[in-house]
Amino acid sequence: MCRAAVAHWSTNGADVSYSGATPGEVLVYTMNFDPNWDAKGQRAIDSDHVVAARVDSAEGTVRVRYFPRTLAFGVVVFLLTVAAIAADWGVRRRAGGPRRLKARQVFSVLP
């Protein structure tokens, strides 16, 4: 009889220890599947929409981790946006900035 238990858990993965397995069997970690899940350093298997991995030995530990592959791209876009906003702010500040109207001037423009 195969047994498995979570040996260590974190918000982005877990270490699942197992025993009594036949090499080649599928170990299922009941977490919704997403292509960003890795098991044993390789992409995890989608087993009925949950994360799974094939085991290589009768007992051992499988590490499953979640890391969004697009995170690095998103961070780069964020940093470029912040840099563009800062550069625009600096240019406007050196140029004297936009002319600010006083409340009296704004209301005198209205009909």
N, C-alpha and C. Protein backbone atom coordinates (compact mmCIF):
# COMPACT_ATOMS: atom_id res chain seq x y z
N MET A 1 0.84 -1.17 0.00
CA MET A 1 0.00 0.00 0.00
C MET A 1 0.89 1.24 0.00
N CYS A 2 0.61 2.16 -0.89
CA CYS A 2 1.39 3.38 -1.02
C CYS A 2 0.86 4.44 -0.05
N ARG A 3 1.79 5.11 0.62
CA ARG A 3 1.42 6.19 1.54
C ARG A 3 2.21 7.43 1.17
N ALA A 4 1.56 8.57 1.36
CA ALA A 4 2.23 9.85 1.10
C ALA A 4 1.79 10.87 2.14
N ALA A 5 2.68 11.78 2.46
CA ALA A 5 2.38 12.84 3.43
C ALA A 5 3.20 14.07 3.08
N VAL A 6 2.65 15.22 3.37
CA VAL A 6 3.36 16.47 3.13
C VAL A 6 4.39 16.65 4.25
N ALA A 7 5.67 16.65 3.88
CA ALA A 7 6.74 16.80 4.86
C ALA A 7 7.04 18.27 5.14
N HIS A 8 6.87 19.10 4.15
CA HIS A 8 7.10 20.54 4.30
C HIS A 8 6.17 21.25 3.34
N TRP A 9 5.56 22.35 3.83
CA TRP A 9 4.62 23.11 3.01
C TRP A 9 4.99 24.58 3.04
N SER A 10 4.84 25.26 1.92
CA SER A 10 5.01 26.71 1.85
C SER A 10 3.93 27.25 0.92
N THR A 11 3.84 28.55 0.80
CA THR A 11 2.78 29.13 -0.02
C THR A 11 2.93 28.85 -1.51
N ASN A 12 4.12 28.47 -1.95
CA ASN A 12 4.31 28.19 -3.37
C ASN A 12 4.77 26.75 -3.64
N GLY A 13 4.55 25.85 -2.71
CA GLY A 13 4.92 24.47 -2.97
C GLY A 13 4.94 23.60 -1.73
N ALA A 14 5.43 22.38 -1.93
CA ALA A 14 5.49 21.42 -0.83
C ALA A 14 6.49 20.33 -1.16
N ASP A 15 6.97 19.67 -0.10
CA ASP A 15 7.77 18.46 -0.24
C ASP A 15 6.88 17.32 0.22
N VAL A 16 6.62 16.38 -0.67
CA VAL A 16 5.73 15.26 -0.37
C VAL A 16 6.57 13.99 -0.25
N SER A 17 6.57 13.39 0.94
CA SER A 17 7.29 12.13 1.17
C SER A 17 6.34 10.98 0.90
N TYR A 18 6.87 9.92 0.27
CA TYR A 18 6.03 8.76 -0.05
C TYR A 18 6.80 7.48 0.24
N SER A 19 6.06 6.38 0.42
CA SER A 19 6.66 5.06 0.61
C SER A 19 5.69 4.01 0.09
N GLY A 20 6.22 2.87 -0.25
CA GLY A 20 5.40 1.76 -0.74
C GLY A 20 4.93 1.92 -2.18
N ALA A 21 5.58 2.78 -2.94
CA ALA A 21 5.16 3.01 -4.33
C ALA A 21 5.91 2.09 -5.28
N THR A 22 5.35 1.90 -6.43
CA THR A 22 6.02 1.18 -7.51
C THR A 22 6.61 2.24 -8.45
N PRO A 23 7.89 2.11 -8.81
CA PRO A 23 8.47 3.10 -9.72
C PRO A 23 7.61 3.26 -10.97
N GLY A 24 7.35 4.52 -11.33
CA GLY A 24 6.51 4.82 -12.49
C GLY A 24 5.09 5.22 -12.10
N GLU A 25 4.72 4.95 -10.83
CA GLU A 25 3.38 5.37 -10.38
C GLU A 25 3.31 6.89 -10.32
N VAL A 26 2.08 7.39 -10.31
CA VAL A 26 1.86 8.83 -10.29
C VAL A 26 1.51 9.27 -8.87
N LEU A 27 2.27 10.22 -8.35
CA LEU A 27 2.00 10.82 -7.05
C LEU A 27 1.19 12.08 -7.32
N VAL A 28 0.04 12.20 -6.67
CA VAL A 28 -0.86 13.34 -6.91
C VAL A 28 -0.83 14.27 -5.70
N TYR A 29 -0.60 15.54 -5.98
CA TYR A 29 -0.64 16.60 -4.96
C TYR A 29 -1.91 17.40 -5.22
N THR A 30 -2.84 17.37 -4.30
CA THR A 30 -4.15 17.96 -4.55
C THR A 30 -4.12 19.49 -4.50
N MET A 31 -3.62 20.04 -5.58
CA MET A 31 -3.58 21.49 -5.78
C MET A 31 -3.98 21.70 -7.25
N ASN A 32 -4.77 22.72 -7.50
CA ASN A 32 -5.22 22.97 -8.88
C ASN A 32 -4.03 23.07 -9.82
N PHE A 33 -4.13 22.37 -10.95
CA PHE A 33 -3.03 22.35 -11.90
C PHE A 33 -2.94 23.67 -12.66
N ASP A 34 -1.72 24.06 -12.92
CA ASP A 34 -1.40 25.21 -13.76
C ASP A 34 -0.07 24.86 -14.42
N PRO A 35 0.15 25.27 -15.65
CA PRO A 35 1.40 24.92 -16.32
C PRO A 35 2.66 25.43 -15.61
N ASN A 36 2.52 26.34 -14.65
CA ASN A 36 3.68 26.88 -13.94
C ASN A 36 4.15 25.98 -12.79
N TRP A 37 3.49 24.88 -12.52
CA TRP A 37 3.91 23.95 -11.46
C TRP A 37 5.07 23.10 -11.95
N ASP A 38 6.08 22.91 -11.10
CA ASP A 38 7.21 22.02 -11.37
C ASP A 38 7.22 20.92 -10.32
N ALA A 39 7.60 19.73 -10.72
CA ALA A 39 7.76 18.60 -9.80
C ALA A 39 9.10 17.94 -10.13
N LYS A 40 9.94 17.82 -9.13
CA LYS A 40 11.27 17.24 -9.30
C LYS A 40 12.08 18.00 -10.34
N GLY A 41 11.89 19.31 -10.43
CA GLY A 41 12.65 20.12 -11.37
C GLY A 41 12.17 20.09 -12.80
N GLN A 42 11.07 19.39 -13.05
CA GLN A 42 10.49 19.33 -14.39
C GLN A 42 9.04 19.78 -14.31
N ARG A 43 8.44 20.05 -15.46
CA ARG A 43 7.04 20.45 -15.44
C ARG A 43 6.19 19.33 -14.85
N ALA A 44 5.24 19.73 -14.02
CA ALA A 44 4.37 18.75 -13.38
C ALA A 44 3.38 18.18 -14.40
N ILE A 45 2.80 17.05 -14.05
CA ILE A 45 1.80 16.38 -14.88
C ILE A 45 0.41 16.86 -14.47
N ASP A 46 -0.47 17.06 -15.44
CA ASP A 46 -1.87 17.39 -15.17
C ASP A 46 -2.65 16.09 -15.03
N SER A 47 -3.06 15.76 -13.82
CA SER A 47 -3.82 14.54 -13.56
C SER A 47 -5.22 14.95 -13.07
N ASP A 48 -6.17 14.97 -13.99
CA ASP A 48 -7.54 15.40 -13.68
C ASP A 48 -7.54 16.77 -13.01
N HIS A 49 -6.78 17.69 -13.59
CA HIS A 49 -6.73 19.10 -13.16
C HIS A 49 -6.07 19.32 -11.82
N VAL A 50 -5.26 18.39 -11.35
CA VAL A 50 -4.45 18.58 -10.14
C VAL A 50 -2.99 18.27 -10.49
N VAL A 51 -2.07 18.71 -9.64
CA VAL A 51 -0.64 18.55 -9.87
C VAL A 51 -0.22 17.12 -9.57
N ALA A 52 0.62 16.54 -10.43
CA ALA A 52 1.08 15.17 -10.23
C ALA A 52 2.50 15.01 -10.78
N ALA A 53 3.16 13.92 -10.35
CA ALA A 53 4.50 13.60 -10.83
C ALA A 53 4.70 12.10 -10.76
N ARG A 54 5.51 11.57 -11.66
CA ARG A 54 5.85 10.14 -11.63
C ARG A 54 6.98 9.93 -10.62
N VAL A 55 6.89 8.85 -9.85
CA VAL A 55 7.93 8.54 -8.87
C VAL A 55 8.95 7.59 -9.48
N ASP A 56 10.21 7.72 -9.04
CA ASP A 56 11.29 6.92 -9.60
C ASP A 56 11.66 5.72 -8.73
N SER A 57 11.24 5.74 -7.46
CA SER A 57 11.65 4.69 -6.54
C SER A 57 10.49 4.33 -5.62
N ALA A 58 10.70 3.31 -4.79
CA ALA A 58 9.65 2.83 -3.88
C ALA A 58 9.36 3.83 -2.77
N GLU A 59 10.37 4.61 -2.40
CA GLU A 59 10.15 5.65 -1.39
C GLU A 59 11.05 6.84 -1.68
N GLY A 60 10.63 7.98 -1.22
CA GLY A 60 11.41 9.19 -1.46
C GLY A 60 10.57 10.43 -1.19
N THR A 61 11.04 11.54 -1.70
CA THR A 61 10.37 12.82 -1.55
C THR A 61 10.30 13.52 -2.89
N VAL A 62 9.14 14.05 -3.19
CA VAL A 62 8.95 14.82 -4.41
C VAL A 62 8.70 16.27 -4.01
N ARG A 63 9.48 17.15 -4.59
CA ARG A 63 9.31 18.59 -4.33
C ARG A 63 8.48 19.19 -5.46
N VAL A 64 7.35 19.77 -5.11
CA VAL A 64 6.52 20.47 -6.09
C VAL A 64 6.57 21.96 -5.76
N ARG A 65 6.79 22.76 -6.79
CA ARG A 65 6.93 24.21 -6.60
C ARG A 65 6.14 24.94 -7.68
N TYR A 66 5.62 26.12 -7.31
CA TYR A 66 4.92 26.98 -8.25
C TYR A 66 5.72 28.25 -8.43
N PHE A 67 6.05 28.58 -9.67
CA PHE A 67 6.72 29.83 -9.98
C PHE A 67 6.20 30.32 -11.33
N PRO A 68 5.53 31.47 -11.35
CA PRO A 68 5.00 31.97 -12.62
C PRO A 68 6.12 32.32 -13.59
N ARG A 69 6.11 31.71 -14.75
CA ARG A 69 7.17 31.92 -15.73
C ARG A 69 7.17 33.34 -16.31
N THR A 70 6.05 34.05 -16.24
CA THR A 70 5.97 35.41 -16.77
C THR A 70 6.29 36.47 -15.72
N LEU A 71 6.66 36.08 -14.52
CA LEU A 71 6.96 37.04 -13.46
C LEU A 71 8.12 37.96 -13.83
N ALA A 72 9.19 37.42 -14.36
CA ALA A 72 10.36 38.23 -14.71
C ALA A 72 9.97 39.29 -15.75
N PHE A 73 9.20 38.91 -16.75
CA PHE A 73 8.75 39.86 -17.77
C PHE A 73 7.91 40.96 -17.13
N GLY A 74 7.01 40.59 -16.24
CA GLY A 74 6.15 41.56 -15.56
C GLY A 74 6.95 42.54 -14.72
N VAL A 75 7.98 42.06 -14.04
CA VAL A 75 8.83 42.92 -13.21
C VAL A 75 9.59 43.90 -14.11
N VAL A 76 10.09 43.44 -15.25
CA VAL A 76 10.82 44.32 -16.17
C VAL A 76 9.88 45.41 -16.70
N VAL A 77 8.67 45.06 -17.10
CA VAL A 77 7.71 46.04 -17.59
C VAL A 77 7.39 47.06 -16.50
N PHE A 78 7.20 46.58 -15.27
CA PHE A 78 6.92 47.48 -14.15
C PHE A 78 8.06 48.48 -13.94
N LEU A 79 9.30 47.98 -13.92
CA LEU A 79 10.45 48.85 -13.70
C LEU A 79 10.64 49.86 -14.83
N LEU A 80 10.39 49.43 -16.07
CA LEU A 80 10.48 50.37 -17.19
C LEU A 80 9.41 51.45 -17.09
N THR A 81 8.22 51.08 -16.65
CA THR A 81 7.14 52.06 -16.47
C THR A 81 7.50 53.07 -15.39
N VAL A 82 8.02 52.59 -14.27
CA VAL A 82 8.43 53.50 -13.19
C VAL A 82 9.53 54.44 -13.69
N ALA A 83 10.49 53.90 -14.45
CA ALA A 83 11.59 54.72 -14.97
C ALA A 83 11.05 55.78 -15.94
N ALA A 84 10.09 55.42 -16.79
CA ALA A 84 9.51 56.38 -17.73
C ALA A 84 8.75 57.48 -17.01
N ILE A 85 8.01 57.12 -15.98
CA ILE A 85 7.28 58.12 -15.19
C ILE A 85 8.26 59.06 -14.49
N ALA A 86 9.31 58.50 -13.90
CA ALA A 86 10.32 59.32 -13.21
C ALA A 86 11.03 60.24 -14.20
N ALA A 87 11.36 59.76 -15.38
CA ALA A 87 12.03 60.58 -16.39
C ALA A 87 11.11 61.71 -16.84
N ASP A 88 9.85 61.39 -17.09
CA ASP A 88 8.89 62.42 -17.49
C ASP A 88 8.74 63.47 -16.40
N TRP A 89 8.66 63.05 -15.15
CA TRP A 89 8.54 63.98 -14.03
C TRP A 89 9.77 64.88 -13.96
N GLY A 90 10.96 64.31 -14.15
CA GLY A 90 12.19 65.08 -14.12
C GLY A 90 12.25 66.11 -15.24
N VAL A 91 11.85 65.72 -16.43
CA VAL A 91 11.85 66.65 -17.57
C VAL A 91 10.88 67.79 -17.31
N ARG A 92 9.69 67.47 -16.84
CA ARG A 92 8.70 68.52 -16.56
C ARG A 92 9.17 69.44 -15.45
N ARG A 93 9.82 68.90 -14.47
CA ARG A 93 10.29 69.71 -13.34
C ARG A 93 11.37 70.69 -13.80
N ARG A 94 12.31 70.20 -14.63
CA ARG A 94 13.37 71.06 -15.14
C ARG A 94 12.82 72.13 -16.08
N ALA A 95 11.76 71.82 -16.78
CA ALA A 95 11.17 72.76 -17.74
C ALA A 95 10.23 73.75 -17.04
N GLY A 96 10.13 73.67 -15.76
CA GLY A 96 9.25 74.59 -15.04
C GLY A 96 7.90 73.99 -14.74
N GLY A 97 7.65 72.81 -15.24
CA GLY A 97 6.39 72.11 -14.96
C GLY A 97 5.20 72.76 -15.62
N PRO A 98 4.09 72.12 -15.56
CA PRO A 98 2.87 72.69 -16.14
C PRO A 98 2.45 73.91 -15.33
N ARG A 99 1.91 74.90 -16.02
CA ARG A 99 1.46 76.11 -15.34
C ARG A 99 0.23 75.77 -14.51
N ARG A 100 0.32 76.07 -13.25
CA ARG A 100 -0.81 75.77 -12.36
C ARG A 100 -1.70 76.99 -12.26
N LEU A 101 -2.97 76.76 -12.44
CA LEU A 101 -3.95 77.83 -12.35
C LEU A 101 -4.49 77.93 -10.94
N LYS A 102 -4.74 79.14 -10.50
CA LYS A 102 -5.38 79.34 -9.21
C LYS A 102 -6.87 79.13 -9.39
N ALA A 103 -7.56 78.87 -8.30
CA ALA A 103 -9.00 78.61 -8.38
C ALA A 103 -9.73 79.76 -9.05
N ARG A 104 -9.34 81.00 -8.77
CA ARG A 104 -10.00 82.15 -9.35
C ARG A 104 -9.86 82.14 -10.87
N GLN A 105 -8.69 81.74 -11.37
CA GLN A 105 -8.46 81.70 -12.81
C GLN A 105 -9.29 80.61 -13.47
N VAL A 106 -9.44 79.48 -12.83
CA VAL A 106 -10.21 78.39 -13.39
C VAL A 106 -11.67 78.80 -13.51
N PHE A 107 -12.23 79.40 -12.47
CA PHE A 107 -13.63 79.76 -12.49
C PHE A 107 -13.90 80.95 -13.42
N SER A 108 -12.93 81.80 -13.65
CA SER A 108 -13.16 82.93 -14.54
C SER A 108 -13.20 82.48 -15.99
N VAL A 109 -12.64 81.30 -16.30
CA VAL A 109 -12.67 80.77 -17.66
C VAL A 109 -14.05 80.19 -17.97
N LEU A 110 -14.74 79.68 -16.99
CA LEU A 110 -16.05 79.09 -17.21
C LEU A 110 -17.06 80.16 -17.57
N PRO A 111 -18.01 79.87 -18.51
CA PRO A 111 -19.01 80.87 -18.92
C PRO A 111 -19.98 81.23 -17.81
